[in-house]
Amino acid sequence: MRSKKLMLAAILGLSLVVSACSLNIERNADGSLQIIGEVTAEAMAEEFERDPENDSVDVKIDDGVMWVDVEGTDESGEHVANLRVELGAADGEPTVDITEAFYNGWTVPDDITEMYNAAIEREIRKAVRENPDATLESLEADNGKIVTEWRIETQDSKSG
């Protein structure tokens, strides 16, 4: 089902949020690192367009929400898919929640959306476990970009 591929694209988008396209790294007075990452809606769209089945992708980011509109062709023919994804931060981790999903004008059933939200949550937790010294201080999704601020504990900040 094409909605499965679209939901996986949302996970790919999450990985961009976590890794970001541009990074600014500074050392804090206590020796920890402050990393500010930024990814634009255009960069997200370019990443989604790497999928050969996606002919055109439009991403908009505003007021904590990312909208993804995809037009393409797969083995079933032409398709149009639309996602509304709420982005935020809670307990030092990014939050991603697909709140609306449409495929060729049909609403993707809630149980499928819930399944992909659970998969995204697992991917977030897995990424966070890979670096337990990283804490997400803030995630702002507005004005066509996602900006994340991370605190990374170092040996200096742990011993101080």
C-alpha atoms as a PDB file:
ATOM      1  CA  MET A   1       0.000   0.000   0.000  1.00  0.00           C
ATOM      2  CA  ARG A   2       1.305   3.432  -0.954  1.00  0.00           C
ATOM      3  CA  SER A   3       0.336   4.929   2.420  1.00  0.00           C
ATOM      4  CA  LYS A   4       2.954   2.659   3.993  1.00  0.00           C
ATOM      5  CA  LYS A   5       5.641   4.198   1.814  1.00  0.00           C
ATOM      6  CA  LEU A   6       4.406   7.696   2.601  1.00  0.00           C
ATOM      7  CA  MET A   7       4.481   7.023   6.340  1.00  0.00           C
ATOM      8  CA  LEU A   8       8.033   5.720   6.022  1.00  0.00           C
ATOM      9  CA  ALA A   9       8.877   8.984   4.287  1.00  0.00           C
ATOM     10  CA  ALA A  10       7.682  10.723   7.437  1.00  0.00           C
ATOM     11  CA  ILE A  11      10.183   8.640   9.393  1.00  0.00           C
ATOM     12  CA  LEU A  12      12.880   9.758   6.952  1.00  0.00           C
ATOM     13  CA  GLY A  13      11.802  13.315   7.621  1.00  0.00           C
ATOM     14  CA  LEU A  14      12.180  12.667  11.330  1.00  0.00           C
ATOM     15  CA  SER A  15      15.755  11.538  10.802  1.00  0.00           C
ATOM     16  CA  LEU A  16      16.417  14.873   9.101  1.00  0.00           C
ATOM     17  CA  VAL A  17      14.923  16.673  12.080  1.00  0.00           C
ATOM     18  CA  VAL A  18      17.188  14.734  14.418  1.00  0.00           C
ATOM     19  CA  SER A  19      20.326  15.169  12.313  1.00  0.00           C
ATOM     20  CA  ALA A  20      19.466  18.528  10.678  1.00  0.00           C
ATOM     21  CA  CYS A  21      20.884  20.067   7.525  1.00  0.00           C
ATOM     22  CA  SER A  22      22.942  22.780   9.150  1.00  0.00           C
ATOM     23  CA  LEU A  23      24.519  22.666  12.579  1.00  0.00           C
ATOM     24  CA  ASN A  24      25.925  25.305  14.913  1.00  0.00           C
ATOM     25  CA  ILE A  25      27.985  23.837  17.761  1.00  0.00           C
ATOM     26  CA  GLU A  26      29.145  25.793  20.817  1.00  0.00           C
ATOM     27  CA  ARG A  27      30.697  24.755  24.118  1.00  0.00           C
ATOM     28  CA  ASN A  28      28.827  25.814  27.258  1.00  0.00           C
ATOM     29  CA  ALA A  29      30.610  27.113  30.377  1.00  0.00           C
ATOM     30  CA  ASP A  30      30.164  23.727  32.096  1.00  0.00           C
ATOM     31  CA  GLY A  31      31.844  21.885  29.184  1.00  0.00           C
ATOM     32  CA  SER A  32      28.658  20.505  27.649  1.00  0.00           C
ATOM     33  CA  LEU A  33      27.878  21.203  24.016  1.00  0.00           C
ATOM     34  CA  GLN A  34      24.978  23.195  22.631  1.00  0.00           C
ATOM     35  CA  ILE A  35      24.030  22.095  19.132  1.00  0.00           C
ATOM     36  CA  ILE A  36      21.483  24.015  17.108  1.00  0.00           C
ATOM     37  CA  GLY A  37      20.306  22.246  13.975  1.00  0.00           C
ATOM     38  CA  GLU A  38      18.133  23.641  11.232  1.00  0.00           C
ATOM     39  CA  VAL A  39      16.339  21.985   8.331  1.00  0.00           C
ATOM     40  CA  THR A  40      14.192  23.889   5.849  1.00  0.00           C
ATOM     41  CA  ALA A  41      10.952  22.793   4.231  1.00  0.00           C
ATOM     42  CA  GLU A  42      12.760  22.888   0.873  1.00  0.00           C
ATOM     43  CA  ALA A  43      15.461  20.502   2.119  1.00  0.00           C
ATOM     44  CA  MET A  44      12.789  18.139   3.438  1.00  0.00           C
ATOM     45  CA  ALA A  45      10.986  18.221   0.065  1.00  0.00           C
ATOM     46  CA  GLU A  46      14.254  17.487  -1.756  1.00  0.00           C
ATOM     47  CA  GLU A  47      14.861  14.496   0.491  1.00  0.00           C
ATOM     48  CA  PHE A  48      11.341  13.130  -0.131  1.00  0.00           C
ATOM     49  CA  GLU A  49      11.845  13.624  -3.890  1.00  0.00           C
ATOM     50  CA  ARG A  50      14.759  11.160  -3.804  1.00  0.00           C
ATOM     51  CA  ASP A  51      12.140   8.426  -3.867  1.00  0.00           C
ATOM     52  CA  PRO A  52      11.748   7.631  -7.586  1.00  0.00           C
ATOM     53  CA  GLU A  53       7.976   7.208  -7.141  1.00  0.00           C
ATOM     54  CA  ASN A  54       7.619  10.825  -5.977  1.00  0.00           C
ATOM     55  CA  ASP A  55       7.373  13.217  -8.929  1.00  0.00           C
ATOM     56  CA  SER A  56       6.633  16.353  -6.941  1.00  0.00           C
ATOM     57  CA  VAL A  57       6.760  17.058  -3.212  1.00  0.00           C
ATOM     58  CA  ASP A  58       5.674  20.202  -1.398  1.00  0.00           C
ATOM     59  CA  VAL A  59       6.500  20.662   2.282  1.00  0.00           C
ATOM     60  CA  LYS A  60       5.232  23.522   4.404  1.00  0.00           C
ATOM     61  CA  ILE A  61       6.221  24.097   8.029  1.00  0.00           C
ATOM     62  CA  ASP A  62       4.335  26.557  10.220  1.00  0.00           C
ATOM     63  CA  ASP A  63       3.104  26.855  13.799  1.00  0.00           C
ATOM     64  CA  GLY A  64       4.364  23.418  14.916  1.00  0.00           C
ATOM     65  CA  VAL A  65       2.911  21.593  11.911  1.00  0.00           C
ATOM     66  CA  MET A  66       4.506  20.107   8.800  1.00  0.00           C
ATOM     67  CA  TRP A  67       2.286  19.507   5.752  1.00  0.00           C
ATOM     68  CA  VAL A  68       3.603  17.119   3.116  1.00  0.00           C
ATOM     69  CA  ASP A  69       1.897  16.915  -0.298  1.00  0.00           C
ATOM     70  CA  VAL A  70       3.199  14.284  -2.717  1.00  0.00           C
ATOM     71  CA  GLU A  71       2.308  13.553  -6.332  1.00  0.00           C
ATOM     72  CA  GLY A  72       3.821  10.576  -8.059  1.00  0.00           C
ATOM     73  CA  THR A  73       3.495   7.372  -9.998  1.00  0.00           C
ATOM     74  CA  ASP A  74       3.934   3.833  -8.732  1.00  0.00           C
ATOM     75  CA  GLU A  75       2.957   0.359  -9.944  1.00  0.00           C
ATOM     76  CA  SER A  76      -0.705   1.228  -9.314  1.00  0.00           C
ATOM     77  CA  GLY A  77      -0.582   4.432 -11.363  1.00  0.00           C
ATOM     78  CA  GLU A  78      -0.683   8.081 -10.418  1.00  0.00           C
ATOM     79  CA  HIS A  79      -1.215   9.040  -6.796  1.00  0.00           C
ATOM     80  CA  VAL A  80      -1.601  12.056  -4.554  1.00  0.00           C
ATOM     81  CA  ALA A  81      -0.819  11.804  -0.856  1.00  0.00           C
ATOM     82  CA  ASN A  82      -1.156  14.405   1.883  1.00  0.00           C
ATOM     83  CA  LEU A  83       0.083  14.335   5.473  1.00  0.00           C
ATOM     84  CA  ARG A  84      -0.356  16.674   8.421  1.00  0.00           C
ATOM     85  CA  VAL A  85       2.355  16.072  11.015  1.00  0.00           C
ATOM     86  CA  GLU A  86       2.525  17.810  14.396  1.00  0.00           C
ATOM     87  CA  LEU A  87       6.074  18.375  15.658  1.00  0.00           C
ATOM     88  CA  GLY A  88       7.261  19.201  19.151  1.00  0.00           C
ATOM     89  CA  ALA A  89       9.432  18.227  22.094  1.00  0.00           C
ATOM     90  CA  ALA A  90       8.611  16.458  25.350  1.00  0.00           C
ATOM     91  CA  ASP A  91      10.841  15.035  28.064  1.00  0.00           C
ATOM     92  CA  GLY A  92      14.014  15.800  26.107  1.00  0.00           C
ATOM     93  CA  GLU A  93      12.885  13.988  22.952  1.00  0.00           C
ATOM     94  CA  PRO A  94      11.283  15.074  19.673  1.00  0.00           C
ATOM     95  CA  THR A  95       7.600  14.279  19.204  1.00  0.00           C
ATOM     96  CA  VAL A  96       6.072  13.540  15.820  1.00  0.00           C
ATOM     97  CA  ASP A  97       2.373  12.813  15.393  1.00  0.00           C
ATOM     98  CA  ILE A  98       0.678  12.188  12.043  1.00  0.00           C
ATOM     99  CA  THR A  99      -2.740  13.702  12.684  1.00  0.00           C
ATOM    100  CA  GLU A 100      -4.152  13.506   9.138  1.00  0.00           C
ATOM    101  CA  ALA A 101      -3.243  11.335   6.167  1.00  0.00           C
ATOM    102  CA  PHE A 102      -4.923  11.138   2.769  1.00  0.00           C
ATOM    103  CA  TYR A 103      -4.188   8.984  -0.265  1.00  0.00           C
ATOM    104  CA  ASN A 104      -5.879   9.847  -3.576  1.00  0.00           C
ATOM    105  CA  GLY A 105      -8.461  11.837  -1.636  1.00  0.00           C
ATOM    106  CA  TRP A 106      -9.313   8.976   0.737  1.00  0.00           C
ATOM    107  CA  THR A 107      -8.656   9.279   4.455  1.00  0.00           C
ATOM    108  CA  VAL A 108      -6.051   6.781   5.644  1.00  0.00           C
ATOM    109  CA  PRO A 109      -7.756   4.724   8.400  1.00  0.00           C
ATOM    110  CA  ASP A 110      -6.920   5.669  11.989  1.00  0.00           C
ATOM    111  CA  ASP A 111      -5.528   2.222  12.803  1.00  0.00           C
ATOM    112  CA  ILE A 112      -2.946   2.551  10.010  1.00  0.00           C
ATOM    113  CA  THR A 113      -2.031   6.098  11.084  1.00  0.00           C
ATOM    114  CA  GLU A 114      -1.683   4.887  14.693  1.00  0.00           C
ATOM    115  CA  MET A 115       0.552   2.032  13.534  1.00  0.00           C
ATOM    116  CA  TYR A 116       2.882   4.482  11.789  1.00  0.00           C
ATOM    117  CA  ASN A 117       2.860   6.903  14.709  1.00  0.00           C
ATOM    118  CA  ALA A 118       3.986   3.983  16.897  1.00  0.00           C
ATOM    119  CA  ALA A 119       6.735   3.145  14.369  1.00  0.00           C
ATOM    120  CA  ILE A 120       7.916   6.759  14.373  1.00  0.00           C
ATOM    121  CA  GLU A 121       7.948   6.787  18.188  1.00  0.00           C
ATOM    122  CA  ARG A 122      10.082   3.610  18.194  1.00  0.00           C
ATOM    123  CA  GLU A 123      12.519   5.220  15.744  1.00  0.00           C
ATOM    124  CA  ILE A 124      12.756   8.322  17.948  1.00  0.00           C
ATOM    125  CA  ARG A 125      13.456   6.249  21.049  1.00  0.00           C
ATOM    126  CA  LYS A 126      16.042   4.205  19.144  1.00  0.00           C
ATOM    127  CA  ALA A 127      17.813   7.383  17.964  1.00  0.00           C
ATOM    128  CA  VAL A 128      17.781   8.812  21.499  1.00  0.00           C
ATOM    129  CA  ARG A 129      19.207   5.588  22.960  1.00  0.00           C
ATOM    130  CA  GLU A 130      22.110   5.804  20.502  1.00  0.00           C
ATOM    131  CA  ASN A 131      23.287   8.928  22.315  1.00  0.00           C
ATOM    132  CA  PRO A 132      22.028   8.924  25.905  1.00  0.00           C
ATOM    133  CA  ASP A 133      24.058  12.080  26.600  1.00  0.00           C
ATOM    134  CA  ALA A 134      21.895  14.115  24.199  1.00  0.00           C
ATOM    135  CA  THR A 135      18.844  15.992  25.434  1.00  0.00           C
ATOM    136  CA  LEU A 136      16.530  17.945  23.186  1.00  0.00           C
ATOM    137  CA  GLU A 137      16.121  21.368  24.764  1.00  0.00           C
ATOM    138  CA  SER A 138      13.692  22.720  22.167  1.00  0.00           C
ATOM    139  CA  LEU A 139      12.149  22.031  18.794  1.00  0.00           C
ATOM    140  CA  GLU A 140      10.580  24.886  16.888  1.00  0.00           C
ATOM    141  CA  ALA A 141       8.703  24.222  13.653  1.00  0.00           C
ATOM    142  CA  ASP A 142       7.698  27.544  12.143  1.00  0.00           C
ATOM    143  CA  ASN A 143       8.341  29.914   9.243  1.00  0.00           C
ATOM    144  CA  GLY A 144       9.320  27.169   6.792  1.00  0.00           C
ATOM    145  CA  LYS A 145      11.939  25.456   8.937  1.00  0.00           C
ATOM    146  CA  ILE A 146      12.531  23.182  11.894  1.00  0.00           C
ATOM    147  CA  VAL A 147      15.110  24.325  14.445  1.00  0.00           C
ATOM    148  CA  THR A 148      16.282  21.961  17.172  1.00  0.00           C
ATOM    149  CA  GLU A 149      18.470  22.807  20.151  1.00  0.00           C
ATOM    150  CA  TRP A 150      20.315  19.937  21.820  1.00  0.00           C
ATOM    151  CA  ARG A 151      22.467  19.711  24.951  1.00  0.00           C
ATOM    152  CA  ILE A 152      25.180  17.085  24.763  1.00  0.00           C
ATOM    153  CA  GLU A 153      26.874  16.069  27.989  1.00  0.00           C
ATOM    154  CA  THR A 154      30.650  15.598  27.763  1.00  0.00           C
ATOM    155  CA  GLN A 155      33.244  14.203  30.147  1.00  0.00           C
ATOM    156  CA  ASP A 156      33.904  17.788  31.306  1.00  0.00           C
ATOM    157  CA  SER A 157      30.256  18.554  32.074  1.00  0.00           C
ATOM    158  CA  LYS A 158      29.700  15.185  33.759  1.00  0.00           C
ATOM    159  CA  SER A 159      32.671  15.585  36.099  1.00  0.00           C
ATOM    160  CA  GLY A 160      32.042  19.263  36.897  1.00  0.00           C
END
